[in-house]
N, C-alpha and C. Protein backbone atom coordinates (compact mmCIF):
# COMPACT_ATOMS: atom_id res chain seq x y z
N MET A 1 98.08 102.50 119.16
CA MET A 1 98.47 103.90 119.20
C MET A 1 98.18 104.54 117.85
N ALA A 2 97.28 105.49 117.84
CA ALA A 2 96.94 106.16 116.59
C ALA A 2 97.91 107.29 116.32
N VAL A 3 98.16 107.55 115.06
CA VAL A 3 99.02 108.65 114.64
C VAL A 3 98.15 109.65 113.90
N ALA A 4 98.11 110.86 114.38
CA ALA A 4 97.26 111.87 113.75
C ALA A 4 97.88 112.37 112.47
N SER A 5 97.05 112.58 111.47
CA SER A 5 97.53 113.19 110.23
C SER A 5 97.85 114.66 110.49
N GLY A 6 98.94 115.13 109.88
CA GLY A 6 99.36 116.51 110.14
C GLY A 6 99.13 117.41 108.94
N SER A 7 99.11 118.71 109.18
CA SER A 7 98.98 119.67 108.10
C SER A 7 100.35 119.94 107.51
N SER A 8 100.38 120.54 106.32
CA SER A 8 101.64 120.74 105.62
C SER A 8 102.56 121.73 106.34
N GLY A 9 101.98 122.79 106.90
CA GLY A 9 102.79 123.76 107.62
C GLY A 9 103.88 124.37 106.79
N GLY A 10 103.74 124.38 105.46
CA GLY A 10 104.75 124.97 104.59
C GLY A 10 105.97 124.10 104.39
N ARG A 11 105.93 122.86 104.86
CA ARG A 11 107.11 122.00 104.76
C ARG A 11 107.22 121.40 103.35
N SER A 12 108.45 120.97 103.04
CA SER A 12 108.75 120.41 101.72
C SER A 12 109.43 119.06 101.87
N CYS A 13 109.17 118.17 100.90
CA CYS A 13 109.84 116.87 100.89
C CYS A 13 110.20 116.48 99.47
N PHE A 14 111.10 115.51 99.34
CA PHE A 14 111.37 114.91 98.04
C PHE A 14 111.23 113.41 98.16
N VAL A 15 110.96 112.77 97.04
CA VAL A 15 110.83 111.31 96.98
C VAL A 15 111.77 110.78 95.91
N LEU A 16 112.63 109.86 96.29
CA LEU A 16 113.47 109.12 95.35
C LEU A 16 112.85 107.74 95.15
N GLY A 17 112.72 107.33 93.90
CA GLY A 17 112.14 106.02 93.64
C GLY A 17 110.63 106.02 93.57
N ALA A 18 110.05 107.13 93.11
CA ALA A 18 108.59 107.24 93.07
C ALA A 18 107.97 106.36 91.99
N SER A 19 108.77 105.80 91.09
CA SER A 19 108.23 104.93 90.05
C SER A 19 108.11 103.49 90.52
N GLY A 20 108.70 103.17 91.67
CA GLY A 20 108.64 101.81 92.20
C GLY A 20 107.35 101.53 92.95
N GLU A 21 107.22 100.30 93.42
CA GLU A 21 105.98 99.90 94.08
C GLU A 21 105.71 100.71 95.34
N THR A 22 106.69 100.80 96.22
CA THR A 22 106.49 101.57 97.45
C THR A 22 106.38 103.05 97.15
N GLY A 23 107.22 103.55 96.26
CA GLY A 23 107.23 104.97 95.94
C GLY A 23 105.91 105.46 95.38
N ARG A 24 105.27 104.66 94.54
CA ARG A 24 103.99 105.07 93.95
C ARG A 24 102.91 105.20 95.02
N VAL A 25 102.90 104.23 95.94
CA VAL A 25 101.90 104.28 97.02
C VAL A 25 102.22 105.41 97.99
N LEU A 26 103.50 105.61 98.27
CA LEU A 26 103.92 106.70 99.15
C LEU A 26 103.48 108.05 98.60
N LEU A 27 103.67 108.26 97.31
CA LEU A 27 103.25 109.51 96.69
C LEU A 27 101.75 109.72 96.87
N ARG A 28 100.98 108.67 96.65
CA ARG A 28 99.53 108.77 96.81
C ARG A 28 99.16 109.15 98.24
N GLU A 29 99.84 108.55 99.21
CA GLU A 29 99.56 108.85 100.62
C GLU A 29 99.93 110.30 100.95
N LEU A 30 101.08 110.74 100.48
CA LEU A 30 101.53 112.11 100.78
C LEU A 30 100.56 113.14 100.23
N LEU A 31 100.10 112.93 99.02
CA LEU A 31 99.19 113.90 98.41
C LEU A 31 97.80 113.84 99.04
N ALA A 32 97.31 112.65 99.34
CA ALA A 32 95.97 112.53 99.92
C ALA A 32 95.92 113.14 101.31
N ARG A 33 97.01 113.02 102.07
CA ARG A 33 97.02 113.52 103.44
C ARG A 33 97.52 114.96 103.54
N ARG A 34 98.05 115.49 102.45
CA ARG A 34 98.54 116.87 102.42
C ARG A 34 99.52 117.14 103.56
N VAL A 35 100.44 116.22 103.72
CA VAL A 35 101.43 116.33 104.78
C VAL A 35 102.44 117.44 104.49
N PHE A 36 102.73 117.64 103.19
CA PHE A 36 103.71 118.65 102.80
C PHE A 36 103.10 119.62 101.80
N ALA A 37 103.53 120.88 101.91
CA ALA A 37 103.07 121.90 100.97
C ALA A 37 103.72 121.71 99.60
N ARG A 38 104.90 121.11 99.59
CA ARG A 38 105.65 120.93 98.34
C ARG A 38 106.22 119.52 98.31
N VAL A 39 105.93 118.80 97.23
CA VAL A 39 106.44 117.44 97.05
C VAL A 39 107.19 117.40 95.71
N THR A 40 108.45 116.98 95.76
CA THR A 40 109.28 116.91 94.56
C THR A 40 109.71 115.47 94.32
N LEU A 41 109.49 115.00 93.10
CA LEU A 41 109.94 113.68 92.70
C LEU A 41 111.28 113.83 91.98
N ILE A 42 112.29 113.13 92.47
CA ILE A 42 113.61 113.19 91.87
C ILE A 42 113.90 111.85 91.22
N GLY A 43 114.15 111.86 89.92
CA GLY A 43 114.39 110.60 89.21
C GLY A 43 115.09 110.82 87.89
N ARG A 44 115.37 109.72 87.21
CA ARG A 44 116.12 109.80 85.95
C ARG A 44 115.23 110.17 84.77
N ARG A 45 113.91 110.14 84.97
CA ARG A 45 113.00 110.53 83.91
C ARG A 45 111.72 111.08 84.53
N ARG A 46 110.99 111.86 83.76
CA ARG A 46 109.69 112.35 84.22
C ARG A 46 108.69 111.22 84.22
N LEU A 47 107.84 111.18 85.25
CA LEU A 47 106.82 110.16 85.33
C LEU A 47 105.54 110.66 84.67
N SER A 48 104.84 109.76 84.04
CA SER A 48 103.54 110.09 83.46
C SER A 48 102.49 110.00 84.56
N LEU A 49 101.97 111.14 84.96
CA LEU A 49 101.02 111.21 86.06
C LEU A 49 99.69 111.74 85.54
N ASP A 50 98.62 111.40 86.25
CA ASP A 50 97.34 111.97 85.86
C ASP A 50 97.36 113.47 86.11
N GLU A 51 96.41 114.17 85.54
CA GLU A 51 96.43 115.63 85.57
C GLU A 51 96.43 116.19 86.98
N GLU A 52 95.61 115.60 87.85
CA GLU A 52 95.52 116.11 89.23
C GLU A 52 96.83 115.90 89.98
N THR A 53 97.41 114.71 89.85
CA THR A 53 98.66 114.42 90.54
C THR A 53 99.80 115.26 89.97
N GLY A 54 99.84 115.36 88.65
CA GLY A 54 100.90 116.12 88.01
C GLY A 54 100.91 117.58 88.42
N ALA A 55 99.73 118.13 88.68
CA ALA A 55 99.64 119.54 89.10
C ALA A 55 100.06 119.74 90.54
N ALA A 56 100.08 118.64 91.33
CA ALA A 56 100.35 118.75 92.76
C ALA A 56 101.81 118.52 93.11
N VAL A 57 102.61 118.07 92.15
CA VAL A 57 104.01 117.76 92.45
C VAL A 57 104.94 118.46 91.47
N GLU A 58 106.20 118.56 91.89
CA GLU A 58 107.26 119.02 91.01
C GLU A 58 108.11 117.79 90.64
N GLN A 59 108.70 117.84 89.47
CA GLN A 59 109.57 116.74 89.07
C GLN A 59 110.93 117.27 88.66
N ALA A 60 111.98 116.67 89.20
CA ALA A 60 113.35 117.04 88.86
C ALA A 60 114.02 115.83 88.22
N VAL A 61 114.43 115.98 86.97
CA VAL A 61 115.10 114.90 86.25
C VAL A 61 116.60 115.04 86.44
N VAL A 62 117.25 113.96 86.90
CA VAL A 62 118.68 114.02 87.21
C VAL A 62 119.41 112.85 86.54
N ASP A 63 120.69 113.04 86.35
CA ASP A 63 121.59 111.97 85.89
C ASP A 63 122.30 111.44 87.12
N PHE A 64 121.94 110.24 87.55
CA PHE A 64 122.51 109.70 88.78
C PHE A 64 124.01 109.45 88.66
N GLU A 65 124.52 109.33 87.44
CA GLU A 65 125.95 109.16 87.26
C GLU A 65 126.71 110.46 87.46
N ARG A 66 125.97 111.58 87.44
CA ARG A 66 126.58 112.90 87.64
C ARG A 66 125.72 113.68 88.64
N LEU A 67 125.41 113.02 89.73
CA LEU A 67 124.43 113.56 90.67
C LEU A 67 124.88 114.86 91.31
N SER A 68 126.18 115.03 91.48
CA SER A 68 126.67 116.26 92.11
C SER A 68 126.31 117.50 91.30
N GLU A 69 126.03 117.32 90.00
CA GLU A 69 125.66 118.46 89.16
C GLU A 69 124.19 118.85 89.34
N HIS A 70 123.46 118.07 90.12
CA HIS A 70 122.04 118.32 90.33
C HIS A 70 121.73 118.66 91.79
N ALA A 71 122.67 119.30 92.44
CA ALA A 71 122.48 119.63 93.85
C ALA A 71 121.24 120.49 94.08
N ALA A 72 120.87 121.31 93.11
CA ALA A 72 119.72 122.21 93.27
C ALA A 72 118.43 121.43 93.51
N ALA A 73 118.34 120.22 92.96
CA ALA A 73 117.12 119.42 93.14
C ALA A 73 116.92 119.02 94.60
N PHE A 74 118.00 119.01 95.36
CA PHE A 74 117.94 118.57 96.75
C PHE A 74 117.92 119.75 97.74
N GLN A 75 117.82 120.95 97.22
CA GLN A 75 117.85 122.14 98.08
C GLN A 75 116.47 122.43 98.68
N GLY A 76 116.46 122.81 99.95
CA GLY A 76 115.26 123.36 100.56
C GLY A 76 114.19 122.37 100.99
N HIS A 77 114.54 121.11 101.16
CA HIS A 77 113.56 120.12 101.61
C HIS A 77 113.76 119.80 103.09
N ASP A 78 112.66 119.64 103.80
CA ASP A 78 112.74 119.28 105.21
C ASP A 78 112.94 117.78 105.39
N VAL A 79 112.27 117.00 104.54
CA VAL A 79 112.29 115.53 104.67
C VAL A 79 112.61 114.91 103.32
N GLY A 80 113.39 113.85 103.34
CA GLY A 80 113.68 113.08 102.14
C GLY A 80 113.21 111.65 102.32
N PHE A 81 112.46 111.14 101.35
CA PHE A 81 112.02 109.75 101.36
C PHE A 81 112.78 109.01 100.26
N CYS A 82 113.38 107.89 100.61
CA CYS A 82 114.15 107.13 99.63
C CYS A 82 113.61 105.72 99.49
N CYS A 83 113.03 105.43 98.31
CA CYS A 83 112.57 104.09 97.97
C CYS A 83 113.35 103.57 96.76
N LEU A 84 114.50 104.17 96.52
CA LEU A 84 115.29 103.86 95.33
C LEU A 84 115.90 102.47 95.44
N GLY A 85 115.84 101.71 94.37
CA GLY A 85 116.44 100.39 94.39
C GLY A 85 116.21 99.64 93.09
N THR A 86 117.04 98.63 92.85
CA THR A 86 116.89 97.77 91.69
C THR A 86 117.19 96.34 92.14
N THR A 87 117.40 95.45 91.20
CA THR A 87 117.74 94.07 91.53
C THR A 87 118.99 93.67 90.78
N ARG A 88 119.66 92.66 91.29
CA ARG A 88 120.86 92.15 90.61
C ARG A 88 120.48 91.56 89.26
N ALA A 89 119.31 90.91 89.19
CA ALA A 89 118.87 90.32 87.93
C ALA A 89 118.64 91.37 86.86
N LYS A 90 118.18 92.52 87.27
CA LYS A 90 117.86 93.59 86.32
C LYS A 90 119.07 94.42 85.95
N ALA A 91 119.94 94.71 86.92
CA ALA A 91 121.04 95.65 86.69
C ALA A 91 122.42 95.00 86.73
N GLY A 92 122.51 93.72 87.09
CA GLY A 92 123.81 93.10 87.27
C GLY A 92 124.39 93.44 88.63
N ARG A 93 125.44 92.74 89.01
CA ARG A 93 126.03 92.94 90.34
C ARG A 93 126.50 94.38 90.54
N ALA A 94 127.30 94.89 89.59
CA ALA A 94 127.85 96.25 89.72
C ALA A 94 126.74 97.29 89.69
N GLY A 95 125.76 97.09 88.81
CA GLY A 95 124.66 98.04 88.71
C GLY A 95 123.82 98.07 89.96
N PHE A 96 123.58 96.90 90.54
CA PHE A 96 122.82 96.85 91.79
C PHE A 96 123.52 97.62 92.90
N ILE A 97 124.82 97.41 93.05
CA ILE A 97 125.58 98.11 94.08
C ILE A 97 125.55 99.61 93.84
N ARG A 98 125.70 100.00 92.58
CA ARG A 98 125.74 101.42 92.25
C ARG A 98 124.41 102.10 92.60
N VAL A 99 123.30 101.46 92.26
CA VAL A 99 121.99 102.06 92.52
C VAL A 99 121.64 102.03 94.00
N ASP A 100 121.69 100.85 94.60
CA ASP A 100 121.18 100.68 95.96
C ASP A 100 122.10 101.22 97.05
N ARG A 101 123.38 101.36 96.75
CA ARG A 101 124.30 101.91 97.76
C ARG A 101 124.83 103.28 97.36
N ASP A 102 125.46 103.36 96.18
CA ASP A 102 126.17 104.59 95.82
C ASP A 102 125.21 105.74 95.52
N TYR A 103 124.20 105.50 94.70
CA TYR A 103 123.25 106.56 94.38
C TYR A 103 122.54 107.06 95.63
N VAL A 104 122.12 106.12 96.46
CA VAL A 104 121.39 106.50 97.67
C VAL A 104 122.27 107.33 98.60
N THR A 105 123.52 106.92 98.77
CA THR A 105 124.44 107.66 99.64
C THR A 105 124.71 109.06 99.11
N GLN A 106 124.94 109.17 97.81
CA GLN A 106 125.20 110.48 97.21
C GLN A 106 123.98 111.39 97.35
N ALA A 107 122.81 110.83 97.15
CA ALA A 107 121.58 111.62 97.29
C ALA A 107 121.42 112.10 98.74
N ALA A 108 121.71 111.23 99.70
CA ALA A 108 121.60 111.61 101.10
C ALA A 108 122.57 112.74 101.44
N GLU A 109 123.78 112.68 100.91
CA GLU A 109 124.77 113.73 101.17
C GLU A 109 124.30 115.07 100.59
N LEU A 110 123.77 115.04 99.38
CA LEU A 110 123.27 116.27 98.76
C LEU A 110 122.07 116.82 99.52
N ALA A 111 121.21 115.91 99.98
CA ALA A 111 120.03 116.35 100.73
C ALA A 111 120.44 117.02 102.04
N ARG A 112 121.39 116.43 102.73
CA ARG A 112 121.85 117.02 104.01
C ARG A 112 122.47 118.39 103.76
N ALA A 113 123.28 118.49 102.71
CA ALA A 113 123.90 119.78 102.38
C ALA A 113 122.86 120.81 101.99
N GLY A 114 121.72 120.33 101.46
CA GLY A 114 120.66 121.24 101.03
C GLY A 114 119.68 121.61 102.11
N GLY A 115 119.91 121.13 103.33
CA GLY A 115 119.07 121.53 104.45
C GLY A 115 118.09 120.48 104.96
N CYS A 116 118.08 119.29 104.37
CA CYS A 116 117.19 118.23 104.83
C CYS A 116 117.58 117.77 106.24
N THR A 117 116.60 117.66 107.11
CA THR A 117 116.88 117.28 108.50
C THR A 117 116.42 115.87 108.85
N HIS A 118 115.51 115.30 108.04
CA HIS A 118 114.99 113.96 108.34
C HIS A 118 115.02 113.13 107.06
N PHE A 119 115.75 112.02 107.08
CA PHE A 119 115.86 111.14 105.92
C PHE A 119 115.21 109.81 106.27
N VAL A 120 114.29 109.37 105.40
CA VAL A 120 113.54 108.14 105.62
C VAL A 120 113.95 107.14 104.54
N LEU A 121 114.57 106.06 104.94
CA LEU A 121 115.16 105.10 104.01
C LEU A 121 114.45 103.76 104.06
N GLN A 122 114.00 103.28 102.91
CA GLN A 122 113.46 101.93 102.81
C GLN A 122 114.63 100.98 102.57
N SER A 123 114.86 100.08 103.52
CA SER A 123 115.94 99.11 103.41
C SER A 123 115.32 97.72 103.26
N SER A 124 115.77 96.75 104.02
CA SER A 124 115.25 95.40 103.89
C SER A 124 115.44 94.62 105.19
N GLN A 125 114.50 93.74 105.45
CA GLN A 125 114.65 92.82 106.57
C GLN A 125 115.94 92.02 106.37
N GLY A 126 116.72 91.90 107.44
CA GLY A 126 117.96 91.15 107.37
C GLY A 126 119.16 91.93 106.89
N ALA A 127 119.01 93.24 106.68
CA ALA A 127 120.14 94.05 106.23
C ALA A 127 121.30 93.92 107.20
N ASN A 128 122.50 93.65 106.67
CA ASN A 128 123.66 93.42 107.52
C ASN A 128 124.92 93.63 106.67
N PRO A 129 125.75 94.61 107.03
CA PRO A 129 126.95 94.89 106.22
C PRO A 129 127.94 93.73 106.18
N HIS A 130 127.76 92.74 107.05
CA HIS A 130 128.68 91.60 107.10
C HIS A 130 128.05 90.33 106.52
N SER A 131 126.87 90.46 105.94
CA SER A 131 126.19 89.29 105.38
C SER A 131 126.98 88.73 104.19
N ARG A 132 126.89 87.42 104.01
CA ARG A 132 127.54 86.81 102.84
C ARG A 132 126.66 86.92 101.61
N PHE A 133 125.42 87.37 101.80
CA PHE A 133 124.51 87.57 100.68
C PHE A 133 124.62 89.02 100.19
N LEU A 134 124.86 89.19 98.91
CA LEU A 134 125.12 90.52 98.35
C LEU A 134 123.99 91.49 98.67
N TYR A 135 122.75 91.09 98.45
CA TYR A 135 121.62 92.00 98.65
C TYR A 135 121.58 92.53 100.08
N LEU A 136 121.68 91.64 101.05
CA LEU A 136 121.59 92.06 102.46
C LEU A 136 122.84 92.84 102.87
N ARG A 137 123.99 92.48 102.31
CA ARG A 137 125.22 93.20 102.64
C ARG A 137 125.16 94.64 102.14
N VAL A 138 124.72 94.83 100.90
CA VAL A 138 124.62 96.18 100.34
C VAL A 138 123.60 97.01 101.11
N LYS A 139 122.48 96.41 101.48
CA LYS A 139 121.48 97.13 102.26
C LYS A 139 122.06 97.54 103.62
N GLY A 140 122.82 96.67 104.24
CA GLY A 140 123.46 97.02 105.51
C GLY A 140 124.49 98.12 105.35
N GLU A 141 125.25 98.07 104.27
CA GLU A 141 126.26 99.09 104.02
C GLU A 141 125.62 100.46 103.80
N VAL A 142 124.54 100.50 103.03
CA VAL A 142 123.93 101.80 102.76
C VAL A 142 123.27 102.36 104.01
N GLU A 143 122.74 101.50 104.86
CA GLU A 143 122.20 101.99 106.13
C GLU A 143 123.27 102.72 106.92
N ASN A 144 124.45 102.11 107.02
CA ASN A 144 125.54 102.74 107.78
C ASN A 144 126.00 104.03 107.14
N LEU A 145 126.09 104.04 105.82
CA LEU A 145 126.55 105.24 105.12
C LEU A 145 125.57 106.40 105.27
N VAL A 146 124.28 106.10 105.20
CA VAL A 146 123.27 107.15 105.35
C VAL A 146 123.28 107.69 106.79
N GLN A 147 123.41 106.81 107.76
CA GLN A 147 123.48 107.27 109.15
C GLN A 147 124.67 108.19 109.36
N ALA A 148 125.78 107.88 108.69
CA ALA A 148 127.00 108.67 108.87
C ALA A 148 126.90 110.07 108.27
N VAL A 149 125.91 110.29 107.40
CA VAL A 149 125.74 111.62 106.79
C VAL A 149 125.43 112.67 107.85
N GLY A 150 124.74 112.27 108.92
CA GLY A 150 124.52 113.19 110.04
C GLY A 150 123.22 113.95 110.03
N PHE A 151 122.15 113.33 109.56
CA PHE A 151 120.83 113.98 109.63
C PHE A 151 120.40 114.15 111.09
N ASP A 152 119.59 115.17 111.34
CA ASP A 152 119.02 115.33 112.68
C ASP A 152 118.21 114.09 113.05
N ARG A 153 117.48 113.56 112.06
CA ARG A 153 116.72 112.32 112.25
C ARG A 153 116.92 111.43 111.03
N CYS A 154 117.10 110.15 111.28
CA CYS A 154 117.22 109.16 110.22
C CYS A 154 116.34 107.97 110.59
N THR A 155 115.35 107.68 109.77
CA THR A 155 114.47 106.54 110.02
C THR A 155 114.70 105.50 108.95
N ILE A 156 114.99 104.28 109.38
CA ILE A 156 115.27 103.18 108.46
C ILE A 156 114.19 102.12 108.62
N LEU A 157 113.53 101.79 107.53
CA LEU A 157 112.50 100.75 107.56
C LEU A 157 113.06 99.48 106.93
N ARG A 158 112.86 98.35 107.62
CA ARG A 158 113.33 97.07 107.14
C ARG A 158 112.16 96.12 106.88
N PRO A 159 111.42 96.34 105.80
CA PRO A 159 110.28 95.46 105.53
C PRO A 159 110.72 94.08 105.07
N ALA A 160 109.87 93.09 105.32
CA ALA A 160 110.08 91.75 104.78
C ALA A 160 109.60 91.75 103.33
N VAL A 161 109.17 90.62 102.81
CA VAL A 161 108.71 90.55 101.42
C VAL A 161 107.50 91.46 101.24
N LEU A 162 107.56 92.31 100.22
CA LEU A 162 106.46 93.25 99.95
C LEU A 162 105.34 92.54 99.21
N LEU A 163 104.14 92.69 99.73
CA LEU A 163 102.96 92.15 99.06
C LEU A 163 102.35 93.26 98.22
N CYS A 164 102.39 93.10 96.90
CA CYS A 164 101.89 94.14 96.01
C CYS A 164 101.64 93.54 94.64
N LYS A 165 101.01 94.34 93.78
CA LYS A 165 100.81 93.97 92.38
C LYS A 165 101.82 94.74 91.57
N ARG A 166 102.88 94.07 91.18
CA ARG A 166 103.96 94.75 90.48
C ARG A 166 103.59 95.13 89.06
N GLN A 167 104.15 96.29 88.62
CA GLN A 167 103.97 96.71 87.24
C GLN A 167 104.79 95.83 86.29
N GLU A 168 105.98 95.43 86.76
CA GLU A 168 106.83 94.59 85.92
C GLU A 168 106.64 93.14 86.33
N SER A 169 106.85 92.23 85.38
CA SER A 169 106.61 90.81 85.61
C SER A 169 107.80 90.16 86.29
N ARG A 170 107.57 89.56 87.46
CA ARG A 170 108.58 88.79 88.18
C ARG A 170 107.91 87.49 88.62
N PRO A 171 107.84 86.47 87.74
CA PRO A 171 107.08 85.25 88.02
C PRO A 171 107.44 84.57 89.34
N ALA A 172 108.73 84.43 89.63
CA ALA A 172 109.13 83.75 90.85
C ALA A 172 108.65 84.53 92.08
N GLU A 173 108.75 85.85 92.01
CA GLU A 173 108.30 86.67 93.13
C GLU A 173 106.79 86.59 93.27
N TRP A 174 106.07 86.48 92.14
CA TRP A 174 104.61 86.36 92.20
C TRP A 174 104.21 85.11 92.96
N VAL A 175 104.89 84.00 92.67
CA VAL A 175 104.59 82.75 93.37
C VAL A 175 104.86 82.90 94.86
N THR A 176 105.98 83.54 95.19
CA THR A 176 106.32 83.75 96.60
C THR A 176 105.26 84.59 97.29
N GLN A 177 104.80 85.63 96.62
CA GLN A 177 103.78 86.51 97.22
C GLN A 177 102.47 85.76 97.47
N GLN A 178 102.10 84.88 96.53
CA GLN A 178 100.86 84.12 96.72
C GLN A 178 100.97 83.23 97.96
N PHE A 179 102.14 82.59 98.11
CA PHE A 179 102.36 81.73 99.27
C PHE A 179 102.36 82.55 100.56
N LEU A 180 103.07 83.68 100.56
CA LEU A 180 103.16 84.48 101.77
C LEU A 180 101.83 85.16 102.09
N GLY A 181 101.04 85.41 101.07
CA GLY A 181 99.71 85.97 101.33
C GLY A 181 98.87 85.04 102.16
N VAL A 182 99.04 83.73 101.94
CA VAL A 182 98.34 82.74 102.75
C VAL A 182 98.96 82.64 104.14
N VAL A 183 100.30 82.62 104.19
CA VAL A 183 101.00 82.53 105.47
C VAL A 183 100.67 83.72 106.37
N ALA A 184 100.44 84.88 105.74
CA ALA A 184 100.16 86.10 106.51
C ALA A 184 98.90 85.98 107.34
N TRP A 185 98.00 85.10 106.95
CA TRP A 185 96.79 84.91 107.76
C TRP A 185 97.14 84.30 109.11
N VAL A 186 98.21 83.52 109.16
CA VAL A 186 98.62 82.84 110.40
C VAL A 186 99.69 83.65 111.13
N PHE A 187 100.68 84.15 110.39
CA PHE A 187 101.78 84.95 110.97
C PHE A 187 101.80 86.31 110.26
N PRO A 188 100.91 87.21 110.64
CA PRO A 188 100.70 88.44 109.88
C PRO A 188 101.88 89.40 109.81
N THR A 189 102.83 89.32 110.74
CA THR A 189 103.92 90.30 110.73
C THR A 189 105.29 89.67 110.57
N ALA A 190 105.36 88.38 110.33
CA ALA A 190 106.66 87.70 110.35
C ALA A 190 107.41 87.75 109.03
N TYR A 191 106.74 87.43 107.93
CA TYR A 191 107.46 87.20 106.68
C TYR A 191 107.10 88.15 105.55
N SER A 192 106.09 88.96 105.73
CA SER A 192 105.65 89.83 104.63
C SER A 192 104.99 91.08 105.18
N VAL A 193 104.73 92.02 104.27
CA VAL A 193 104.04 93.25 104.65
C VAL A 193 103.45 93.87 103.39
N PRO A 194 102.19 94.30 103.43
CA PRO A 194 101.61 94.98 102.27
C PRO A 194 102.35 96.28 101.99
N VAL A 195 102.57 96.58 100.73
CA VAL A 195 103.31 97.78 100.38
C VAL A 195 102.59 99.03 100.88
N GLU A 196 101.27 98.97 100.94
CA GLU A 196 100.50 100.12 101.45
C GLU A 196 100.85 100.41 102.91
N ARG A 197 101.11 99.36 103.68
CA ARG A 197 101.45 99.56 105.09
C ARG A 197 102.84 100.17 105.24
N VAL A 198 103.75 99.78 104.37
CA VAL A 198 105.10 100.38 104.40
C VAL A 198 105.01 101.87 104.10
N ALA A 199 104.25 102.21 103.07
CA ALA A 199 104.12 103.62 102.68
C ALA A 199 103.49 104.43 103.81
N ARG A 200 102.44 103.88 104.44
CA ARG A 200 101.80 104.61 105.53
C ARG A 200 102.74 104.75 106.72
N ALA A 201 103.57 103.74 106.96
CA ALA A 201 104.55 103.83 108.06
C ALA A 201 105.58 104.92 107.77
N MET A 202 105.96 105.08 106.52
CA MET A 202 106.92 106.13 106.15
C MET A 202 106.32 107.50 106.41
N VAL A 203 105.04 107.65 106.09
CA VAL A 203 104.37 108.92 106.37
C VAL A 203 104.22 109.13 107.87
N ALA A 204 103.82 108.09 108.57
CA ALA A 204 103.57 108.19 110.01
C ALA A 204 104.82 108.59 110.78
N CYS A 205 105.98 108.11 110.34
CA CYS A 205 107.20 108.38 111.11
C CYS A 205 107.59 109.85 111.07
N VAL A 206 107.16 110.58 110.04
CA VAL A 206 107.48 112.01 110.01
C VAL A 206 106.45 112.82 110.80
N LEU A 207 105.33 112.22 111.13
CA LEU A 207 104.31 112.91 111.92
C LEU A 207 104.54 112.74 113.41
N GLN A 208 105.36 111.76 113.78
CA GLN A 208 105.65 111.51 115.19
C GLN A 208 106.83 112.35 115.65
N PRO A 209 106.87 112.68 116.94
CA PRO A 209 108.06 113.34 117.49
C PRO A 209 109.27 112.43 117.37
N GLY A 210 110.43 113.02 117.17
CA GLY A 210 111.65 112.23 117.03
C GLY A 210 112.05 111.55 118.33
N GLU A 211 112.56 110.33 118.21
CA GLU A 211 113.08 109.59 119.36
C GLU A 211 114.54 109.23 119.07
N GLY A 212 115.42 110.19 119.25
CA GLY A 212 116.82 109.96 118.95
C GLY A 212 117.13 110.24 117.49
N LYS A 213 118.41 110.22 117.15
CA LYS A 213 118.83 110.55 115.79
C LYS A 213 118.49 109.45 114.80
N VAL A 214 118.61 108.20 115.23
CA VAL A 214 118.39 107.07 114.32
C VAL A 214 117.35 106.13 114.90
N LYS A 215 116.37 105.78 114.07
CA LYS A 215 115.35 104.81 114.48
C LYS A 215 115.21 103.77 113.39
N VAL A 216 115.32 102.49 113.77
CA VAL A 216 115.19 101.39 112.84
C VAL A 216 113.88 100.66 113.11
N LEU A 217 113.06 100.55 112.07
CA LEU A 217 111.77 99.88 112.19
C LEU A 217 111.85 98.53 111.51
N GLU A 218 111.78 97.46 112.31
CA GLU A 218 111.73 96.12 111.75
C GLU A 218 110.31 95.84 111.25
N ASN A 219 110.12 94.68 110.63
CA ASN A 219 108.86 94.40 109.95
C ASN A 219 107.64 94.52 110.86
N ALA A 220 107.72 93.98 112.08
CA ALA A 220 106.58 94.05 113.00
C ALA A 220 106.24 95.50 113.35
N ALA A 221 107.28 96.32 113.54
CA ALA A 221 107.07 97.74 113.88
C ALA A 221 106.47 98.49 112.69
N ILE A 222 106.83 98.09 111.48
CA ILE A 222 106.25 98.71 110.28
C ILE A 222 104.75 98.41 110.23
N HIS A 223 104.39 97.17 110.50
CA HIS A 223 102.98 96.80 110.55
C HIS A 223 102.23 97.67 111.57
N GLU A 224 102.80 97.79 112.75
CA GLU A 224 102.15 98.53 113.83
C GLU A 224 101.99 100.01 113.49
N LEU A 225 103.06 100.60 112.98
CA LEU A 225 103.02 102.03 112.67
C LEU A 225 102.10 102.30 111.48
N GLY A 226 102.15 101.42 110.49
CA GLY A 226 101.30 101.59 109.33
C GLY A 226 99.82 101.48 109.66
N LYS A 227 99.50 100.61 110.60
CA LYS A 227 98.10 100.46 111.03
C LYS A 227 97.66 101.64 111.89
N ALA A 228 98.62 102.26 112.59
CA ALA A 228 98.28 103.35 113.51
C ALA A 228 97.87 104.62 112.76
N LEU A 229 98.32 104.76 111.51
CA LEU A 229 97.94 105.93 110.73
C LEU A 229 96.53 105.72 110.21
N PRO A 230 95.59 106.61 110.54
CA PRO A 230 94.20 106.38 110.14
C PRO A 230 94.05 106.27 108.63
N GLN A 231 93.16 105.39 108.21
CA GLN A 231 92.81 105.30 106.81
C GLN A 231 92.21 106.63 106.35
N GLN A 232 92.42 106.96 105.09
CA GLN A 232 91.83 108.17 104.57
C GLN A 232 90.30 108.10 104.67
N GLY A 233 89.72 109.18 105.15
CA GLY A 233 88.26 109.24 105.28
C GLY A 233 87.74 108.74 106.60
N THR A 234 88.69 108.37 107.54
CA THR A 234 88.27 107.92 108.87
C THR A 234 88.74 108.89 109.92
């Protein structure tokens, strides 16, 4: 099933987590396909972008610890994309919970109050609010909290291990990616997914008609939807 690329139609979106692996690719897809007339990056610092990209986007710098003071950044957007996240190793247990659950929930609430009707959340395969594993439990909790905000449409993507070339060094994850890259030849949708396919699936889901208020895309569905969006230039 192919998904047609759509015109901007004057619509606006924001991206949380544009400095991360998925967010960077998502931004590239959004700009190349001209899905939105206005794209705003919301983050704790301005990103260094090339001249062409920098001219095509707006950037809103916010303090996530005082996010309610930055409600204006979330005003007037039709769609919100959230790729925000960190790791326990990088931020500690409390920091991980604050970023991946609390910041995301607060941003979703501000977006809904600002008129956003469709929220697209990158979560994780195995997300479960009752999991004994902190990472999966927090991902499950934030899924429930975002759904409770009451968007007209809420799309949750649960990718498996992301295959990508990270900007930051994570040796153990690099080894895992090399192994899964080989496994993907045999089981292409079971244990991993290229980050480019996740980004394209996020774009594709806003181009499709809505099917209910909440839609959860597991890893196999992400592969399918990401492949259905035509490559640029085809």
